[in-house]
Amino acid sequence: MTAKMGEKDNVNRLEGGIMTGRLDLVFCIVQRGRADKIIKNAMKAGAGGATTWFARGSGIREKLGLLGIAISPEKEVMMIVTPPELTEKVFAAIVSAGKLDVPGQGLAFVTEIKQLAGIFGGPDAIEEEGEPSSDT
C-alpha cells in the first residue's frame, strides 16, 4: 500500500448516515462511582462525549481481592469514540484519571471502528447534512 492510499483510507466520509473511514473506540471499565471524573478528563483531552452503563464483574479477584481487600463487582463501563489523532491523548487522560496504571483499578483498551452509524460531526455538521428528509 502506498502512502497516498493510506492517507485516503484514513479520511472519514459520512454518506447516508453511515460514517466510513477510521475512528477509534476507547473502552474503560472501572469500579462504580469513578466514571464521572474519568469522562471529564477525557473530554478535556478532546473527546466529544461518552456513553456509560453499569455492569457486574466476576472472577477470581471478586473472591480474593487485591491484597486481601474485597473488590466490588459493580462496575461502570465507558465507551468513547475518537478520531485517530486524538486517541492517544484521550487514552492517556483516561489512564491518568482512573489510575489505571495501578493494578486492580480497572482497565481500558482501544479498538478500531470501520463503520459507524448514528453519529454526527458536531454542531457544524448539522448544517452541512441538512434537514432530515420526510417521506410524507
Protein backbone atom coordinates (compact mmCIF):
# COMPACT_ATOMS: atom_id res chain seq x y z
CA MET A 1 0.00 0.00 0.00
CA THR A 2 1.36 3.41 -0.90
CA ALA A 3 1.38 6.36 1.47
CA LYS A 4 -1.25 8.08 -0.67
CA MET A 5 -3.62 5.13 -0.39
CA GLY A 6 -3.13 5.00 3.38
CA GLU A 7 -3.96 8.69 3.71
CA LYS A 8 -7.10 8.26 1.62
CA ASP A 9 -8.24 5.32 3.78
CA ASN A 10 -7.96 7.46 6.93
CA VAL A 11 -10.36 10.09 5.57
CA ASN A 12 -13.75 9.82 7.24
CA ARG A 13 -16.78 10.12 5.00
CA LEU A 14 -20.42 10.49 6.01
CA GLU A 15 -22.82 9.08 3.43
CA GLY A 16 -26.43 8.18 4.07
CA GLY A 17 -25.95 8.49 7.83
CA ILE A 18 -23.07 5.97 7.87
CA MET A 19 -19.54 7.11 8.71
CA THR A 20 -16.79 5.21 6.93
CA GLY A 21 -13.06 5.71 7.27
CA ARG A 22 -11.21 5.34 10.54
CA LEU A 23 -12.30 6.10 14.06
CA ASP A 24 -11.20 4.57 17.34
CA LEU A 25 -13.33 3.27 20.18
CA VAL A 26 -11.92 3.59 23.69
CA PHE A 27 -13.46 1.29 26.31
CA CYS A 28 -12.84 1.78 30.01
CA ILE A 29 -14.13 -0.35 32.89
CA VAL A 30 -13.79 0.85 36.49
CA GLN A 31 -15.47 0.41 39.85
CA ARG A 32 -18.86 2.05 40.15
CA GLY A 33 -18.78 5.75 41.02
CA ARG A 34 -15.46 6.54 39.30
CA ALA A 35 -16.64 7.21 35.72
CA ASP A 36 -17.58 10.91 36.06
CA LYS A 37 -14.02 12.04 36.82
CA ILE A 38 -12.63 9.90 34.01
CA ILE A 39 -15.12 11.24 31.47
CA LYS A 40 -14.44 14.87 32.47
CA ASN A 41 -10.72 14.35 31.92
CA ALA A 42 -11.31 12.57 28.60
CA MET A 43 -13.43 15.50 27.41
CA LYS A 44 -10.73 17.99 28.50
CA ALA A 45 -8.35 15.95 26.32
CA GLY A 46 -10.63 16.34 23.30
CA ALA A 47 -13.25 13.59 23.49
CA GLY A 48 -16.65 14.74 22.25
CA GLY A 49 -18.58 12.74 24.85
CA ALA A 50 -19.03 9.28 26.27
CA THR A 51 -21.61 6.58 26.74
CA THR A 52 -21.66 4.83 30.12
CA TRP A 53 -23.55 1.94 31.61
CA PHE A 54 -23.43 -0.21 34.71
CA ALA A 55 -22.12 -3.77 34.66
CA ARG A 56 -21.22 -6.53 37.05
CA GLY A 57 -17.78 -8.11 37.03
CA SER A 58 -16.95 -11.61 38.14
CA GLY A 59 -13.85 -13.72 38.54
CA ILE A 60 -11.16 -14.74 40.97
CA ARG A 61 -10.41 -11.15 42.08
CA GLU A 62 -14.01 -10.77 43.26
CA LYS A 63 -13.42 -13.55 45.81
CA LEU A 64 -9.82 -12.86 46.74
CA GLY A 65 -9.46 -9.12 46.19
CA LEU A 66 -6.18 -7.35 45.72
CA LEU A 67 -4.02 -7.60 48.85
CA GLY A 68 -6.87 -9.33 50.66
CA ILE A 69 -9.34 -6.46 50.12
CA ALA A 70 -12.62 -7.47 48.54
CA ILE A 71 -13.28 -5.85 45.15
CA SER A 72 -16.84 -4.76 44.46
CA PRO A 73 -18.34 -6.50 41.43
CA GLU A 74 -20.30 -3.34 40.49
CA LYS A 75 -18.65 -1.63 37.51
CA GLU A 76 -19.10 1.32 35.19
CA VAL A 77 -18.26 0.89 31.53
CA MET A 78 -17.40 3.88 29.35
CA MET A 79 -17.32 3.97 25.58
CA ILE A 80 -15.73 6.94 23.78
CA VAL A 81 -15.41 7.39 20.00
CA THR A 82 -12.35 9.40 18.95
CA PRO A 83 -10.64 10.33 15.70
CA PRO A 84 -7.20 8.65 15.47
CA GLU A 85 -5.32 11.92 16.01
CA LEU A 86 -6.91 12.33 19.47
CA THR A 87 -6.88 8.71 20.64
CA GLU A 88 -3.50 8.74 22.41
CA LYS A 89 -4.26 11.97 24.26
CA VAL A 90 -7.74 10.81 25.34
CA PHE A 91 -6.44 7.37 26.34
CA ALA A 92 -3.64 8.91 28.43
CA ALA A 93 -6.19 11.16 30.18
CA ILE A 94 -8.36 8.12 30.97
CA VAL A 95 -5.43 6.13 32.35
CA SER A 96 -4.29 9.07 34.48
CA ALA A 97 -7.75 9.99 35.86
CA GLY A 98 -8.64 6.37 36.59
CA LYS A 99 -5.19 5.48 37.95
CA LEU A 100 -5.31 2.52 35.60
CA ASP A 101 -1.54 2.10 35.80
CA VAL A 102 -2.16 0.71 39.32
CA PRO A 103 -3.23 -2.98 39.40
CA GLY A 104 -6.85 -3.57 40.38
CA GLN A 105 -8.12 -0.09 39.42
CA GLY A 106 -9.79 -1.10 36.16
CA LEU A 107 -8.87 -1.47 32.54
CA ALA A 108 -9.01 0.44 29.28
CA PHE A 109 -8.40 -0.54 25.68
CA VAL A 110 -8.75 0.86 22.17
CA THR A 111 -10.21 -0.83 19.13
CA GLU A 112 -10.68 0.41 15.57
CA ILE A 113 -14.10 1.22 14.12
CA LYS A 114 -14.53 0.60 10.39
CA GLN A 115 -18.10 1.87 10.02
CA LEU A 116 -20.37 3.82 12.32
CA ALA A 117 -23.99 4.91 12.10
CA GLY A 118 -25.83 7.32 14.39
CA ILE A 119 -23.15 9.93 14.97
CA PHE A 120 -22.57 13.37 13.53
CA GLY A 121 -19.52 15.60 13.40
CA GLY A 122 -20.78 18.24 15.82
CA PRO A 123 -22.84 21.42 15.52
CA ASP A 124 -21.20 22.49 12.22
CA ALA A 125 -22.04 19.15 10.61
CA ILE A 126 -25.78 19.60 11.24
CA GLU A 127 -25.92 22.46 8.76
CA GLU A 128 -23.82 20.53 6.23
CA GLU A 129 -26.01 17.44 6.43
CA GLY A 130 -29.18 19.50 6.01
CA GLU A 131 -32.64 18.82 7.32
CA PRO A 132 -33.85 15.22 7.53
CA SER A 133 -35.97 14.27 4.55
CA SER A 134 -39.60 13.42 5.14
CA ASP A 135 -41.40 10.79 3.12
CA THR A 136 -44.84 12.29 3.63
